[in-house]
Amino acid sequence: MTATVDTPVDAHMNHTDSRPVTQTAQLPEGNPGLIGLPLTIVGALGLGFTNTGIVDSASAAIPIVMSATSIGLLLATIWAAALRQNVNAALYSVFFGFYGSYAILSLGLGNDWFGIDPDQVTTTSAMWIGSWLVTITILTLLVIRLPWSFPFLLAIVDLALVCLLVGTLTASSAATQLGGWLVFLFVAVAIYFYVAAMWEETGGSPLPMGRPLIS
């Protein structure tokens, strides 16, 4: 990112031109991933633990997701947008919406905030999962011009959502648990992203992210 600054005219320059000289100064670039990635990871870990059944409470991840992850992703979205990192802002905003709406849905269904009949809870949950499946699938297809690790990361989310949707509609614990293990795979890839971002930010050489699927 560049900005123009006014500097006085040097004494050795042509005195017939009294206009100030403008020069571009490089401003430091921010990296919203330094806060967005770790808080995405911690929220995904919570969802992985609950969906696999390692933690036997469906709402156990809500405190993490509703506070740290949602707030962190909102900050990352605003930061990326301020830096005109539009693709990053889009990615963080989608995950902010996903995590935030998950927390509201879970709390709302558990406390009857929305007046949804008990026999409609399953279809409501399936609608939520299906809506995000369609949205993130579209996003997956739209980032194929980025290094292949980006669509790969989102494709894992798509597969996890498919499993969770099947588990919700068929009451299959196996499908839900498989979705939870896919969430852990997502976490593993996200950790690599975080390591790459922090490694480069602290002076290391950029880690490989793969070539674009379509150039």
C-alpha atoms as a PDB file:
ATOM      1  CA  MET A   1       0.000   0.000   0.000  1.00  0.00           C
ATOM      2  CA  THR A   2       1.335   3.367  -0.907  1.00  0.00           C
ATOM      3  CA  ALA A   3       0.600   6.930   0.094  1.00  0.00           C
ATOM      4  CA  THR A   4       1.811  10.266  -1.155  1.00  0.00           C
ATOM      5  CA  VAL A   5       3.659  12.634   1.163  1.00  0.00           C
ATOM      6  CA  ASP A   6       4.744  16.214   0.563  1.00  0.00           C
ATOM      7  CA  THR A   7       8.461  16.994   0.966  1.00  0.00           C
ATOM      8  CA  PRO A   8      10.251  20.341   0.654  1.00  0.00           C
ATOM      9  CA  VAL A   9      12.045  21.103  -2.624  1.00  0.00           C
ATOM     10  CA  ASP A  10      15.732  20.264  -2.461  1.00  0.00           C
ATOM     11  CA  ALA A  11      18.063  23.266  -2.737  1.00  0.00           C
ATOM     12  CA  HIS A  12      19.808  21.776  -5.758  1.00  0.00           C
ATOM     13  CA  MET A  13      16.603  21.369  -7.741  1.00  0.00           C
ATOM     14  CA  ASN A  14      15.264  23.805 -10.339  1.00  0.00           C
ATOM     15  CA  HIS A  15      14.075  26.878  -8.435  1.00  0.00           C
ATOM     16  CA  THR A  16      11.642  27.836 -11.177  1.00  0.00           C
ATOM     17  CA  ASP A  17       9.373  25.035 -10.010  1.00  0.00           C
ATOM     18  CA  SER A  18       8.165  25.822  -6.509  1.00  0.00           C
ATOM     19  CA  ARG A  19       5.667  22.957  -6.321  1.00  0.00           C
ATOM     20  CA  PRO A  20       6.195  20.391  -3.597  1.00  0.00           C
ATOM     21  CA  VAL A  21       7.665  17.082  -4.664  1.00  0.00           C
ATOM     22  CA  THR A  22       5.497  14.063  -4.038  1.00  0.00           C
ATOM     23  CA  GLN A  23       6.980  10.645  -3.440  1.00  0.00           C
ATOM     24  CA  THR A  24       5.433   7.346  -2.587  1.00  0.00           C
ATOM     25  CA  ALA A  25       6.160   5.835   0.800  1.00  0.00           C
ATOM     26  CA  GLN A  26       5.578   2.188   1.470  1.00  0.00           C
ATOM     27  CA  LEU A  27       3.360   1.648   4.463  1.00  0.00           C
ATOM     28  CA  PRO A  28       3.623  -1.605   6.418  1.00  0.00           C
ATOM     29  CA  GLU A  29       1.133  -4.243   5.343  1.00  0.00           C
ATOM     30  CA  GLY A  30      -0.944  -5.908   8.000  1.00  0.00           C
ATOM     31  CA  ASN A  31      -1.731  -9.606   8.207  1.00  0.00           C
ATOM     32  CA  PRO A  32      -5.244 -10.250   9.561  1.00  0.00           C
ATOM     33  CA  GLY A  33      -4.550 -13.974   9.457  1.00  0.00           C
ATOM     34  CA  LEU A  34      -2.423 -13.621  12.570  1.00  0.00           C
ATOM     35  CA  ILE A  35      -5.607 -13.219  14.593  1.00  0.00           C
ATOM     36  CA  GLY A  36      -8.150 -14.818  12.260  1.00  0.00           C
ATOM     37  CA  LEU A  37      -6.396 -18.163  11.855  1.00  0.00           C
ATOM     38  CA  PRO A  38      -5.706 -19.124  15.492  1.00  0.00           C
ATOM     39  CA  LEU A  39      -9.218 -18.155  16.561  1.00  0.00           C
ATOM     40  CA  THR A  40     -10.668 -20.143  13.666  1.00  0.00           C
ATOM     41  CA  ILE A  41      -8.570 -23.097  14.808  1.00  0.00           C
ATOM     42  CA  VAL A  42      -9.719 -22.977  18.410  1.00  0.00           C
ATOM     43  CA  GLY A  43     -13.375 -22.775  17.389  1.00  0.00           C
ATOM     44  CA  ALA A  44     -12.997 -25.664  14.939  1.00  0.00           C
ATOM     45  CA  LEU A  45     -11.310 -27.761  17.609  1.00  0.00           C
ATOM     46  CA  GLY A  46     -14.341 -27.252  19.834  1.00  0.00           C
ATOM     47  CA  LEU A  47     -16.689 -28.355  17.051  1.00  0.00           C
ATOM     48  CA  GLY A  48     -14.486 -31.339  16.271  1.00  0.00           C
ATOM     49  CA  PHE A  49     -14.500 -32.504  19.873  1.00  0.00           C
ATOM     50  CA  THR A  50     -18.286 -32.304  20.133  1.00  0.00           C
ATOM     51  CA  ASN A  51     -19.098 -33.834  16.735  1.00  0.00           C
ATOM     52  CA  THR A  52     -16.766 -36.788  17.191  1.00  0.00           C
ATOM     53  CA  GLY A  53     -18.256 -37.461  20.619  1.00  0.00           C
ATOM     54  CA  ILE A  54     -14.940 -36.965  22.420  1.00  0.00           C
ATOM     55  CA  VAL A  55     -16.805 -34.349  24.431  1.00  0.00           C
ATOM     56  CA  ASP A  56     -20.312 -35.568  25.156  1.00  0.00           C
ATOM     57  CA  SER A  57     -22.020 -32.182  25.210  1.00  0.00           C
ATOM     58  CA  ALA A  58     -23.316 -30.662  22.000  1.00  0.00           C
ATOM     59  CA  SER A  59     -23.132 -27.127  23.405  1.00  0.00           C
ATOM     60  CA  ALA A  60     -19.654 -27.392  24.917  1.00  0.00           C
ATOM     61  CA  ALA A  61     -18.025 -25.420  22.088  1.00  0.00           C
ATOM     62  CA  ILE A  62     -20.454 -22.489  22.222  1.00  0.00           C
ATOM     63  CA  PRO A  63     -18.479 -20.358  24.730  1.00  0.00           C
ATOM     64  CA  ILE A  64     -15.385 -20.511  22.517  1.00  0.00           C
ATOM     65  CA  VAL A  65     -17.259 -20.045  19.250  1.00  0.00           C
ATOM     66  CA  MET A  66     -19.484 -17.219  20.454  1.00  0.00           C
ATOM     67  CA  SER A  67     -16.719 -15.203  22.094  1.00  0.00           C
ATOM     68  CA  ALA A  68     -13.166 -15.785  20.902  1.00  0.00           C
ATOM     69  CA  THR A  69     -13.801 -17.162  17.421  1.00  0.00           C
ATOM     70  CA  SER A  70     -16.678 -14.907  16.360  1.00  0.00           C
ATOM     71  CA  ILE A  71     -15.131 -11.725  17.749  1.00  0.00           C
ATOM     72  CA  GLY A  72     -11.710 -12.586  16.344  1.00  0.00           C
ATOM     73  CA  LEU A  73     -13.092 -13.265  12.873  1.00  0.00           C
ATOM     74  CA  LEU A  74     -15.084 -10.043  12.926  1.00  0.00           C
ATOM     75  CA  LEU A  75     -11.906  -8.116  13.762  1.00  0.00           C
ATOM     76  CA  ALA A  76      -9.987  -9.986  11.047  1.00  0.00           C
ATOM     77  CA  THR A  77     -12.712  -9.150   8.519  1.00  0.00           C
ATOM     78  CA  ILE A  78     -12.629  -5.448   9.362  1.00  0.00           C
ATOM     79  CA  TRP A  79      -8.833  -5.397   9.337  1.00  0.00           C
ATOM     80  CA  ALA A  80      -8.626  -7.151   5.961  1.00  0.00           C
ATOM     81  CA  ALA A  81     -11.245  -4.838   4.465  1.00  0.00           C
ATOM     82  CA  ALA A  82      -9.355  -1.791   5.757  1.00  0.00           C
ATOM     83  CA  LEU A  83      -6.237  -3.064   3.993  1.00  0.00           C
ATOM     84  CA  ARG A  84      -8.298  -3.724   0.833  1.00  0.00           C
ATOM     85  CA  GLN A  85      -7.496  -7.419   1.071  1.00  0.00           C
ATOM     86  CA  ASN A  86     -10.892  -8.165  -0.383  1.00  0.00           C
ATOM     87  CA  VAL A  87     -10.533 -11.925  -0.798  1.00  0.00           C
ATOM     88  CA  ASN A  88      -9.272 -12.308   2.759  1.00  0.00           C
ATOM     89  CA  ALA A  89     -12.116 -10.139   4.021  1.00  0.00           C
ATOM     90  CA  ALA A  90     -14.590 -12.334   2.131  1.00  0.00           C
ATOM     91  CA  LEU A  91     -13.139 -15.537   3.596  1.00  0.00           C
ATOM     92  CA  TYR A  92     -13.067 -14.247   7.157  1.00  0.00           C
ATOM     93  CA  SER A  93     -16.581 -12.814   6.887  1.00  0.00           C
ATOM     94  CA  VAL A  94     -17.977 -16.152   5.692  1.00  0.00           C
ATOM     95  CA  PHE A  95     -16.400 -17.992   8.593  1.00  0.00           C
ATOM     96  CA  PHE A  96     -17.546 -15.266  10.988  1.00  0.00           C
ATOM     97  CA  GLY A  97     -21.094 -15.784   9.735  1.00  0.00           C
ATOM     98  CA  PHE A  98     -20.755 -19.551  10.025  1.00  0.00           C
ATOM     99  CA  TYR A  99     -19.468 -19.571  13.594  1.00  0.00           C
ATOM    100  CA  GLY A 100     -21.681 -16.735  14.789  1.00  0.00           C
ATOM    101  CA  SER A 101     -24.849 -18.238  13.362  1.00  0.00           C
ATOM    102  CA  TYR A 102     -23.912 -21.644  14.791  1.00  0.00           C
ATOM    103  CA  ALA A 103     -23.729 -20.157  18.279  1.00  0.00           C
ATOM    104  CA  ILE A 104     -27.048 -18.332  17.879  1.00  0.00           C
ATOM    105  CA  LEU A 105     -28.743 -21.416  16.420  1.00  0.00           C
ATOM    106  CA  SER A 106     -27.515 -23.688  19.210  1.00  0.00           C
ATOM    107  CA  LEU A 107     -28.487 -21.288  21.970  1.00  0.00           C
ATOM    108  CA  GLY A 108     -31.798 -20.454  20.300  1.00  0.00           C
ATOM    109  CA  LEU A 109     -32.852 -24.051  19.854  1.00  0.00           C
ATOM    110  CA  GLY A 110     -31.707 -24.999  23.337  1.00  0.00           C
ATOM    111  CA  ASN A 111     -33.574 -22.131  24.986  1.00  0.00           C
ATOM    112  CA  ASP A 112     -36.593 -21.936  22.644  1.00  0.00           C
ATOM    113  CA  TRP A 113     -35.784 -18.383  21.561  1.00  0.00           C
ATOM    114  CA  PHE A 114     -37.328 -18.749  18.106  1.00  0.00           C
ATOM    115  CA  GLY A 115     -40.517 -20.606  18.962  1.00  0.00           C
ATOM    116  CA  ILE A 116     -39.584 -23.558  16.767  1.00  0.00           C
ATOM    117  CA  ASP A 117     -41.637 -26.662  17.473  1.00  0.00           C
ATOM    118  CA  PRO A 118     -39.621 -29.608  18.832  1.00  0.00           C
ATOM    119  CA  ASP A 119     -40.504 -31.718  15.809  1.00  0.00           C
ATOM    120  CA  GLN A 120     -38.993 -29.041  13.555  1.00  0.00           C
ATOM    121  CA  VAL A 121     -35.622 -28.844  15.294  1.00  0.00           C
ATOM    122  CA  THR A 122     -34.043 -31.445  13.033  1.00  0.00           C
ATOM    123  CA  THR A 123     -35.234 -29.809   9.817  1.00  0.00           C
ATOM    124  CA  THR A 124     -34.130 -26.398  11.129  1.00  0.00           C
ATOM    125  CA  SER A 125     -30.656 -27.730  11.858  1.00  0.00           C
ATOM    126  CA  ALA A 126     -30.548 -29.413   8.443  1.00  0.00           C
ATOM    127  CA  MET A 127     -31.585 -26.166   6.775  1.00  0.00           C
ATOM    128  CA  TRP A 128     -28.762 -24.335   8.540  1.00  0.00           C
ATOM    129  CA  ILE A 129     -26.178 -26.933   7.537  1.00  0.00           C
ATOM    130  CA  GLY A 130     -27.474 -27.101   3.959  1.00  0.00           C
ATOM    131  CA  SER A 131     -27.433 -23.332   3.576  1.00  0.00           C
ATOM    132  CA  TRP A 132     -23.811 -23.120   4.659  1.00  0.00           C
ATOM    133  CA  LEU A 133     -22.908 -26.119   2.522  1.00  0.00           C
ATOM    134  CA  VAL A 134     -24.174 -24.337  -0.597  1.00  0.00           C
ATOM    135  CA  THR A 135     -22.500 -21.057   0.350  1.00  0.00           C
ATOM    136  CA  ILE A 136     -19.087 -22.525   1.153  1.00  0.00           C
ATOM    137  CA  THR A 137     -19.209 -24.785  -1.906  1.00  0.00           C
ATOM    138  CA  ILE A 138     -19.692 -21.692  -4.066  1.00  0.00           C
ATOM    139  CA  LEU A 139     -16.772 -20.039  -2.276  1.00  0.00           C
ATOM    140  CA  THR A 140     -14.645 -23.148  -2.830  1.00  0.00           C
ATOM    141  CA  LEU A 141     -15.233 -22.937  -6.581  1.00  0.00           C
ATOM    142  CA  LEU A 142     -14.523 -19.211  -6.660  1.00  0.00           C
ATOM    143  CA  VAL A 143     -11.055 -19.470  -5.081  1.00  0.00           C
ATOM    144  CA  ILE A 144      -9.610 -22.003  -7.528  1.00  0.00           C
ATOM    145  CA  ARG A 145      -7.369 -19.243  -8.899  1.00  0.00           C
ATOM    146  CA  LEU A 146      -5.641 -19.101  -5.519  1.00  0.00           C
ATOM    147  CA  PRO A 147      -2.954 -21.617  -4.467  1.00  0.00           C
ATOM    148  CA  TRP A 148      -4.541 -25.077  -4.320  1.00  0.00           C
ATOM    149  CA  SER A 149      -4.278 -25.206  -0.519  1.00  0.00           C
ATOM    150  CA  PHE A 150      -7.114 -22.660  -0.265  1.00  0.00           C
ATOM    151  CA  PRO A 151      -9.769 -24.590  -2.200  1.00  0.00           C
ATOM    152  CA  PHE A 152      -8.477 -27.768  -0.528  1.00  0.00           C
ATOM    153  CA  LEU A 153      -9.136 -26.241   2.901  1.00  0.00           C
ATOM    154  CA  LEU A 154     -12.648 -25.202   1.903  1.00  0.00           C
ATOM    155  CA  ALA A 155     -13.344 -28.567   0.253  1.00  0.00           C
ATOM    156  CA  ILE A 156     -12.695 -30.217   3.619  1.00  0.00           C
ATOM    157  CA  VAL A 157     -15.350 -27.943   5.123  1.00  0.00           C
ATOM    158  CA  ASP A 158     -17.740 -28.945   2.333  1.00  0.00           C
ATOM    159  CA  LEU A 159     -17.196 -32.651   3.021  1.00  0.00           C
ATOM    160  CA  ALA A 160     -17.603 -32.155   6.756  1.00  0.00           C
ATOM    161  CA  LEU A 161     -20.886 -30.331   6.197  1.00  0.00           C
ATOM    162  CA  VAL A 162     -22.132 -33.104   3.890  1.00  0.00           C
ATOM    163  CA  CYS A 163     -21.439 -35.659   6.628  1.00  0.00           C
ATOM    164  CA  LEU A 164     -23.096 -33.506   9.278  1.00  0.00           C
ATOM    165  CA  LEU A 165     -26.116 -32.978   7.040  1.00  0.00           C
ATOM    166  CA  VAL A 166     -26.466 -36.718   6.494  1.00  0.00           C
ATOM    167  CA  GLY A 167     -26.011 -37.332  10.206  1.00  0.00           C
ATOM    168  CA  THR A 168     -28.683 -34.778  11.056  1.00  0.00           C
ATOM    169  CA  LEU A 169     -31.267 -36.038   8.565  1.00  0.00           C
ATOM    170  CA  THR A 170     -30.714 -39.746   9.242  1.00  0.00           C
ATOM    171  CA  ALA A 171     -29.764 -39.577  12.921  1.00  0.00           C
ATOM    172  CA  SER A 172     -26.533 -41.359  11.974  1.00  0.00           C
ATOM    173  CA  SER A 173     -23.918 -40.967  14.679  1.00  0.00           C
ATOM    174  CA  ALA A 174     -21.307 -42.468  12.317  1.00  0.00           C
ATOM    175  CA  ALA A 175     -21.857 -39.721   9.734  1.00  0.00           C
ATOM    176  CA  THR A 176     -21.741 -37.030  12.410  1.00  0.00           C
ATOM    177  CA  GLN A 177     -18.541 -38.452  13.861  1.00  0.00           C
ATOM    178  CA  LEU A 178     -16.966 -38.636  10.412  1.00  0.00           C
ATOM    179  CA  GLY A 179     -17.844 -34.984   9.982  1.00  0.00           C
ATOM    180  CA  GLY A 180     -16.102 -34.276  13.272  1.00  0.00           C
ATOM    181  CA  TRP A 181     -12.921 -36.035  12.127  1.00  0.00           C
ATOM    182  CA  LEU A 182     -12.990 -34.037   8.905  1.00  0.00           C
ATOM    183  CA  VAL A 183     -13.141 -30.920  11.068  1.00  0.00           C
ATOM    184  CA  PHE A 184      -9.898 -32.067  12.692  1.00  0.00           C
ATOM    185  CA  LEU A 185      -8.387 -32.425   9.200  1.00  0.00           C
ATOM    186  CA  PHE A 186      -9.484 -28.843   8.531  1.00  0.00           C
ATOM    187  CA  VAL A 187      -7.737 -27.826  11.756  1.00  0.00           C
ATOM    188  CA  ALA A 188      -4.512 -29.510  10.632  1.00  0.00           C
ATOM    189  CA  VAL A 189      -4.480 -27.573   7.353  1.00  0.00           C
ATOM    190  CA  ALA A 190      -5.425 -24.327   9.122  1.00  0.00           C
ATOM    191  CA  ILE A 191      -2.518 -24.842  11.523  1.00  0.00           C
ATOM    192  CA  TYR A 192      -0.187 -25.016   8.522  1.00  0.00           C
ATOM    193  CA  PHE A 193      -1.662 -21.737   7.274  1.00  0.00           C
ATOM    194  CA  TYR A 194      -1.081 -20.165  10.681  1.00  0.00           C
ATOM    195  CA  VAL A 195       2.486 -21.455  10.907  1.00  0.00           C
ATOM    196  CA  ALA A 196       3.188 -20.121   7.396  1.00  0.00           C
ATOM    197  CA  ALA A 197       1.782 -16.692   8.277  1.00  0.00           C
ATOM    198  CA  MET A 198       3.621 -16.409  11.593  1.00  0.00           C
ATOM    199  CA  TRP A 199       6.841 -17.849  10.160  1.00  0.00           C
ATOM    200  CA  GLU A 200       6.967 -15.241   7.415  1.00  0.00           C
ATOM    201  CA  GLU A 201       5.871 -12.442   9.741  1.00  0.00           C
ATOM    202  CA  THR A 202       8.792 -13.177  12.080  1.00  0.00           C
ATOM    203  CA  GLY A 203      11.340 -13.044   9.286  1.00  0.00           C
ATOM    204  CA  GLY A 204      11.282 -16.557   7.859  1.00  0.00           C
ATOM    205  CA  SER A 205      11.067 -17.505   4.210  1.00  0.00           C
ATOM    206  CA  PRO A 206       7.537 -18.001   2.831  1.00  0.00           C
ATOM    207  CA  LEU A 207       6.309 -21.558   3.166  1.00  0.00           C
ATOM    208  CA  PRO A 208       4.859 -23.205   0.044  1.00  0.00           C
ATOM    209  CA  MET A 209       1.093 -22.930  -0.387  1.00  0.00           C
ATOM    210  CA  GLY A 210       0.846 -24.718  -3.721  1.00  0.00           C
ATOM    211  CA  ARG A 211       0.176 -23.591  -7.254  1.00  0.00           C
ATOM    212  CA  PRO A 212      -3.214 -22.284  -8.415  1.00  0.00           C
ATOM    213  CA  LEU A 213      -5.487 -24.905  -9.929  1.00  0.00           C
ATOM    214  CA  ILE A 214      -6.317 -22.408 -12.675  1.00  0.00           C
ATOM    215  CA  SER A 215      -3.931 -19.619 -13.580  1.00  0.00           C
END
